[in-house]
């Protein structure tokens, strides 16, 4: 990811950054037609001076007939 700043706005000291995204999830059948789902995702943006991380948990319930 490359970031360009506009001189009229606030100048940025970031020239280049790296982006990492990974996730892990699973499904569990509660019965013949019901599924519960759990998922974890992690996002990381690395710049010259620091790292910014965001993590999310998701849980879902599905049914089908």
PDB file of N, CA and C in Angstrom:
ATOM      1  N   UNK A   1       0.851  -1.150   0.000  1.00  0.00           N
ATOM      2  CA  UNK A   1       0.000   0.000   0.000  1.00  0.00           C
ATOM      3  C   UNK A   1       0.907   1.224   0.000  1.00  0.00           C
ATOM      4  N   UNK A   2       0.689   2.122  -0.892  1.00  0.00           N
ATOM      5  CA  UNK A   2       1.441   3.366  -0.932  1.00  0.00           C
ATOM      6  C   UNK A   2       0.501   4.524  -0.634  1.00  0.00           C
ATOM      7  N   UNK A   3       0.961   5.471   0.154  1.00  0.00           N
ATOM      8  CA  UNK A   3       0.136   6.600   0.576  1.00  0.00           C
ATOM      9  C   UNK A   3       0.763   7.888   0.050  1.00  0.00           C
ATOM     10  N   UNK A   4      -0.007   8.675  -0.678  1.00  0.00           N
ATOM     11  CA  UNK A   4       0.440   9.978  -1.169  1.00  0.00           C
ATOM     12  C   UNK A   4      -0.315  11.059  -0.423  1.00  0.00           C
ATOM     13  N   UNK A   5       0.383  12.084  -0.004  1.00  0.00           N
ATOM     14  CA  UNK A   5      -0.280  13.183   0.704  1.00  0.00           C
ATOM     15  C   UNK A   5      -0.438  14.367  -0.233  1.00  0.00           C
ATOM     16  N   UNK A   6      -1.435  15.164   0.065  1.00  0.00           N
ATOM     17  CA  UNK A   6      -1.657  16.384  -0.694  1.00  0.00           C
ATOM     18  C   UNK A   6      -1.079  17.547   0.098  1.00  0.00           C
ATOM     19  N   UNK A   7      -0.219  18.381  -0.514  1.00  0.00           N
ATOM     20  CA  UNK A   7       0.441  19.458   0.234  1.00  0.00           C
ATOM     21  C   UNK A   7      -0.521  20.488   0.823  1.00  0.00           C
ATOM     22  N   UNK A   8      -1.697  20.654   0.232  1.00  0.00           N
ATOM     23  CA  UNK A   8      -2.647  21.645   0.741  1.00  0.00           C
ATOM     24  C   UNK A   8      -3.278  21.193   2.055  1.00  0.00           C
ATOM     25  N   UNK A   9      -3.339  19.887   2.250  1.00  0.00           N
ATOM     26  CA  UNK A   9      -3.896  19.353   3.485  1.00  0.00           C
ATOM     27  C   UNK A   9      -2.759  19.102   4.467  1.00  0.00           C
ATOM     28  N   UNK A  10      -3.018  18.333   5.471  1.00  0.00           N
ATOM     29  CA  UNK A  10      -1.992  17.999   6.454  1.00  0.00           C
ATOM     30  C   UNK A  10      -0.972  17.067   5.800  1.00  0.00           C
ATOM     31  N   UNK A  11       0.306  17.431   5.779  1.00  0.00           N
ATOM     32  CA  UNK A  11       1.298  16.543   5.158  1.00  0.00           C
ATOM     33  C   UNK A  11       1.514  15.286   6.001  1.00  0.00           C
ATOM     34  N   UNK A  12       1.646  14.161   5.341  1.00  0.00           N
ATOM     35  CA  UNK A  12       1.858  12.885   6.013  1.00  0.00           C
ATOM     36  C   UNK A  12       3.327  12.489   5.917  1.00  0.00           C
ATOM     37  N   UNK A  13       3.846  11.883   6.975  1.00  0.00           N
ATOM     38  CA  UNK A  13       5.219  11.399   6.976  1.00  0.00           C
ATOM     39  C   UNK A  13       5.295   9.927   6.570  1.00  0.00           C
ATOM     40  N   UNK A  14       4.202   9.388   6.082  1.00  0.00           N
ATOM     41  CA  UNK A  14       4.141   7.976   5.711  1.00  0.00           C
ATOM     42  C   UNK A  14       4.414   7.856   4.219  1.00  0.00           C
ATOM     43  N   UNK A  15       5.425   7.116   3.870  1.00  0.00           N
ATOM     44  CA  UNK A  15       5.735   6.882   2.468  1.00  0.00           C
ATOM     45  C   UNK A  15       5.145   5.565   1.982  1.00  0.00           C
ATOM     46  N   UNK A  16       5.342   4.525   2.771  1.00  0.00           N
ATOM     47  CA  UNK A  16       4.882   3.202   2.386  1.00  0.00           C
ATOM     48  C   UNK A  16       4.463   2.434   3.638  1.00  0.00           C
ATOM     49  N   UNK A  17       3.466   1.577   3.492  1.00  0.00           N
ATOM     50  CA  UNK A  17       3.014   0.781   4.631  1.00  0.00           C
ATOM     51  C   UNK A  17       2.631  -0.615   4.160  1.00  0.00           C
ATOM     52  N   UNK A  18       2.619  -1.544   5.102  1.00  0.00           N
ATOM     53  CA  UNK A  18       2.231  -2.924   4.829  1.00  0.00           C
ATOM     54  C   UNK A  18       0.896  -3.210   5.507  1.00  0.00           C
ATOM     55  N   UNK A  19       0.089  -4.061   4.880  1.00  0.00           N
ATOM     56  CA  UNK A  19      -1.240  -4.402   5.363  1.00  0.00           C
ATOM     57  C   UNK A  19      -1.322  -5.917   5.520  1.00  0.00           C
ATOM     58  N   UNK A  20      -1.757  -6.365   6.676  1.00  0.00           N
ATOM     59  CA  UNK A  20      -1.915  -7.795   6.930  1.00  0.00           C
ATOM     60  C   UNK A  20      -3.331  -8.061   7.414  1.00  0.00           C
ATOM     61  N   UNK A  21      -3.958  -9.082   6.845  1.00  0.00           N
ATOM     62  CA  UNK A  21      -5.307  -9.472   7.216  1.00  0.00           C
ATOM     63  C   UNK A  21      -5.337 -10.995   7.319  1.00  0.00           C
ATOM     64  N   UNK A  22      -5.804 -11.521   8.449  1.00  0.00           N
ATOM     65  CA  UNK A  22      -5.970 -12.960   8.590  1.00  0.00           C
ATOM     66  C   UNK A  22      -7.178 -13.249   9.456  1.00  0.00           C
ATOM     67  N   UNK A  23      -7.725 -14.411   9.265  1.00  0.00           N
ATOM     68  CA  UNK A  23      -8.907 -14.793  10.022  1.00  0.00           C
ATOM     69  C   UNK A  23      -8.955 -16.291  10.261  1.00  0.00           C
ATOM     70  N   UNK A  24      -9.750 -16.657  11.258  1.00  0.00           N
ATOM     71  CA  UNK A  24      -9.926 -18.049  11.623  1.00  0.00           C
ATOM     72  C   UNK A  24     -11.374 -18.228  12.054  1.00  0.00           C
ATOM     73  N   UNK A  25     -12.012 -19.272  11.585  1.00  0.00           N
ATOM     74  CA  UNK A  25     -13.408 -19.474  11.936  1.00  0.00           C
ATOM     75  C   UNK A  25     -13.785 -20.935  11.930  1.00  0.00           C
ATOM     76  N   UNK A  26     -14.958 -21.189  12.473  1.00  0.00           N
ATOM     77  CA  UNK A  26     -15.449 -22.556  12.507  1.00  0.00           C
ATOM     78  C   UNK A  26     -16.956 -22.602  12.591  1.00  0.00           C
ATOM     79  N   UNK A  27     -17.502 -23.722  12.133  1.00  0.00           N
ATOM     80  CA  UNK A  27     -18.943 -23.974  12.184  1.00  0.00           C
ATOM     81  C   UNK A  27     -19.201 -25.191  13.051  1.00  0.00           C
ATOM     82  N   UNK A  28     -20.336 -25.167  13.763  1.00  0.00           N
ATOM     83  CA  UNK A  28     -20.731 -26.299  14.590  1.00  0.00           C
ATOM     84  C   UNK A  28     -22.217 -26.559  14.364  1.00  0.00           C
ATOM     85  N   UNK A  29     -22.552 -27.773  13.971  1.00  0.00           N
ATOM     86  CA  UNK A  29     -23.951 -28.144  13.743  1.00  0.00           C
ATOM     87  C   UNK A  29     -24.630 -28.424  15.079  1.00  0.00           C
ATOM     88  N   UNK A  30     -25.675 -27.651  15.391  1.00  0.00           N
ATOM     89  CA  UNK A  30     -26.445 -27.869  16.609  1.00  0.00           C
ATOM     90  C   UNK A  30     -27.509 -28.940  16.422  1.00  0.00           C
ATOM     91  N   UNK A  31     -27.850 -29.175  15.228  1.00  0.00           N
ATOM     92  CA  UNK A  31     -28.851 -30.188  14.892  1.00  0.00           C
ATOM     93  C   UNK A  31     -28.807 -30.408  13.397  1.00  0.00           C
ATOM     94  N   UNK A  32     -29.855 -30.975  12.876  1.00  0.00           N
ATOM     95  CA  UNK A  32     -29.879 -31.267  11.446  1.00  0.00           C
ATOM     96  C   UNK A  32     -29.913 -29.995  10.599  1.00  0.00           C
ATOM     97  N   UNK A  33     -30.614 -28.965  11.062  1.00  0.00           N
ATOM     98  CA  UNK A  33     -30.798 -27.756  10.257  1.00  0.00           C
ATOM     99  C   UNK A  33     -30.295 -26.482  10.926  1.00  0.00           C
ATOM    100  N   UNK A  34     -29.497 -26.570  11.957  1.00  0.00           N
ATOM    101  CA  UNK A  34     -29.046 -25.372  12.670  1.00  0.00           C
ATOM    102  C   UNK A  34     -27.513 -25.378  12.807  1.00  0.00           C
ATOM    103  N   UNK A  35     -26.913 -24.259  12.526  1.00  0.00           N
ATOM    104  CA  UNK A  35     -25.453 -24.114  12.600  1.00  0.00           C
ATOM    105  C   UNK A  35     -25.132 -22.866  13.410  1.00  0.00           C
ATOM    106  N   UNK A  36     -24.142 -22.963  14.284  1.00  0.00           N
ATOM    107  CA  UNK A  36     -23.613 -21.789  14.969  1.00  0.00           C
ATOM    108  C   UNK A  36     -22.203 -21.571  14.418  1.00  0.00           C
ATOM    109  N   UNK A  37     -21.863 -20.301  14.179  1.00  0.00           N
ATOM    110  CA  UNK A  37     -20.610 -19.962  13.518  1.00  0.00           C
ATOM    111  C   UNK A  37     -19.835 -18.971  14.371  1.00  0.00           C
ATOM    112  N   UNK A  38     -18.534 -19.157  14.502  1.00  0.00           N
ATOM    113  CA  UNK A  38     -17.663 -18.267  15.259  1.00  0.00           C
ATOM    114  C   UNK A  38     -16.471 -17.914  14.379  1.00  0.00           C
ATOM    115  N   UNK A  39     -16.108 -16.622  14.369  1.00  0.00           N
ATOM    116  CA  UNK A  39     -15.024 -16.162  13.499  1.00  0.00           C
ATOM    117  C   UNK A  39     -14.208 -15.083  14.202  1.00  0.00           C
ATOM    118  N   UNK A  40     -12.894 -15.111  14.015  1.00  0.00           N
ATOM    119  CA  UNK A  40     -11.985 -14.094  14.533  1.00  0.00           C
ATOM    120  C   UNK A  40     -11.179 -13.535  13.371  1.00  0.00           C
ATOM    121  N   UNK A  41     -11.071 -12.209  13.277  1.00  0.00           N
ATOM    122  CA  UNK A  41     -10.287 -11.559  12.222  1.00  0.00           C
ATOM    123  C   UNK A  41      -9.339 -10.546  12.834  1.00  0.00           C
ATOM    124  N   UNK A  42      -8.150 -10.464  12.266  1.00  0.00           N
ATOM    125  CA  UNK A  42      -7.136  -9.518  12.725  1.00  0.00           C
ATOM    126  C   UNK A  42      -6.645  -8.708  11.532  1.00  0.00           C
ATOM    127  N   UNK A  43      -6.592  -7.399  11.680  1.00  0.00           N
ATOM    128  CA  UNK A  43      -6.105  -6.480  10.657  1.00  0.00           C
ATOM    129  C   UNK A  43      -4.934  -5.694  11.245  1.00  0.00           C
ATOM    130  N   UNK A  44      -3.844  -5.556  10.493  1.00  0.00           N
ATOM    131  CA  UNK A  44      -2.678  -4.815  10.950  1.00  0.00           C
ATOM    132  C   UNK A  44      -2.154  -3.946   9.811  1.00  0.00           C
ATOM    133  N   UNK A  45      -1.914  -2.657  10.096  1.00  0.00           N
ATOM    134  CA  UNK A  45      -1.269  -1.747   9.157  1.00  0.00           C
ATOM    135  C   UNK A  45       0.042  -1.319   9.791  1.00  0.00           C
ATOM    136  N   UNK A  46       1.141  -1.587   9.100  1.00  0.00           N
ATOM    137  CA  UNK A  46       2.475  -1.275   9.604  1.00  0.00           C
ATOM    138  C   UNK A  46       3.042  -0.107   8.807  1.00  0.00           C
ATOM    139  N   UNK A  47       3.453   0.948   9.504  1.00  0.00           N
ATOM    140  CA  UNK A  47       4.089   2.097   8.870  1.00  0.00           C
ATOM    141  C   UNK A  47       5.528   2.201   9.364  1.00  0.00           C
ATOM    142  N   UNK A  48       6.199   3.262   8.957  1.00  0.00           N
ATOM    143  CA  UNK A  48       7.594   3.446   9.368  1.00  0.00           C
ATOM    144  C   UNK A  48       7.729   3.637  10.870  1.00  0.00           C
ATOM    145  N   UNK A  49       6.754   4.305  11.500  1.00  0.00           N
ATOM    146  CA  UNK A  49       6.900   4.653  12.908  1.00  0.00           C
ATOM    147  C   UNK A  49       6.118   3.755  13.873  1.00  0.00           C
ATOM    148  N   UNK A  50       4.984   3.195  13.457  1.00  0.00           N
ATOM    149  CA  UNK A  50       4.205   2.386  14.397  1.00  0.00           C
ATOM    150  C   UNK A  50       3.295   1.405  13.669  1.00  0.00           C
ATOM    151  N   UNK A  51       2.627   0.558  14.458  1.00  0.00           N
ATOM    152  CA  UNK A  51       1.665  -0.419  13.951  1.00  0.00           C
ATOM    153  C   UNK A  51       0.281  -0.087  14.498  1.00  0.00           C
ATOM    154  N   UNK A  52      -0.731  -0.300  13.671  1.00  0.00           N
ATOM    155  CA  UNK A  52      -2.116  -0.121  14.097  1.00  0.00           C
ATOM    156  C   UNK A  52      -2.814  -1.462  13.894  1.00  0.00           C
ATOM    157  N   UNK A  53      -3.456  -1.964  14.962  1.00  0.00           N
ATOM    158  CA  UNK A  53      -4.106  -3.263  14.897  1.00  0.00           C
ATOM    159  C   UNK A  53      -5.591  -3.147  15.227  1.00  0.00           C
ATOM    160  N   UNK A  54      -6.379  -3.974  14.584  1.00  0.00           N
ATOM    161  CA  UNK A  54      -7.809  -4.066  14.842  1.00  0.00           C
ATOM    162  C   UNK A  54      -8.184  -5.536  14.836  1.00  0.00           C
ATOM    163  N   UNK A  55      -8.916  -5.971  15.844  1.00  0.00           N
ATOM    164  CA  UNK A  55      -9.349  -7.364  15.938  1.00  0.00           C
ATOM    165  C   UNK A  55     -10.863  -7.402  16.120  1.00  0.00           C
ATOM    166  N   UNK A  56     -11.523  -8.341  15.461  1.00  0.00           N
ATOM    167  CA  UNK A  56     -12.974  -8.469  15.569  1.00  0.00           C
ATOM    168  C   UNK A  56     -13.360  -9.924  15.817  1.00  0.00           C
ATOM    169  N   UNK A  57     -14.405 -10.113  16.601  1.00  0.00           N
ATOM    170  CA  UNK A  57     -15.038 -11.410  16.829  1.00  0.00           C
ATOM    171  C   UNK A  57     -16.433 -11.358  16.226  1.00  0.00           C
ATOM    172  N   UNK A  58     -16.833 -12.428  15.558  1.00  0.00           N
ATOM    173  CA  UNK A  58     -18.183 -12.524  15.010  1.00  0.00           C
ATOM    174  C   UNK A  58     -18.774 -13.867  15.405  1.00  0.00           C
ATOM    175  N   UNK A  59     -20.045 -13.845  15.746  1.00  0.00           N
ATOM    176  CA  UNK A  59     -20.767 -15.075  16.042  1.00  0.00           C
ATOM    177  C   UNK A  59     -22.076 -15.027  15.246  1.00  0.00           C
ATOM    178  N   UNK A  60     -22.440 -16.146  14.678  1.00  0.00           N
ATOM    179  CA  UNK A  60     -23.639 -16.184  13.852  1.00  0.00           C
ATOM    180  C   UNK A  60     -24.431 -17.447  14.082  1.00  0.00           C
ATOM    181  N   UNK A  61     -25.689 -17.385  13.708  1.00  0.00           N
ATOM    182  CA  UNK A  61     -26.596 -18.512  13.824  1.00  0.00           C
ATOM    183  C   UNK A  61     -27.322 -18.662  12.493  1.00  0.00           C
ATOM    184  N   UNK A  62     -27.243 -19.842  11.899  1.00  0.00           N
ATOM    185  CA  UNK A  62     -27.890 -20.121  10.611  1.00  0.00           C
ATOM    186  C   UNK A  62     -28.866 -21.273  10.756  1.00  0.00           C
ATOM    187  N   UNK A  63     -29.945 -21.173  10.006  1.00  0.00           N
ATOM    188  CA  UNK A  63     -30.901 -22.285   9.926  1.00  0.00           C
ATOM    189  C   UNK A  63     -31.327 -22.453   8.479  1.00  0.00           C
ATOM    190  N   UNK A  64     -31.574 -23.676   8.092  1.00  0.00           N
ATOM    191  CA  UNK A  64     -32.024 -23.955   6.739  1.00  0.00           C
ATOM    192  C   UNK A  64     -32.975 -25.143   6.769  1.00  0.00           C
ATOM    193  N   UNK A  65     -33.901 -25.135   5.811  1.00  0.00           N
ATOM    194  CA  UNK A  65     -34.916 -26.195   5.767  1.00  0.00           C
ATOM    195  C   UNK A  65     -35.055 -26.758   4.381  1.00  0.00           C
TER     196      UNK A  65
END
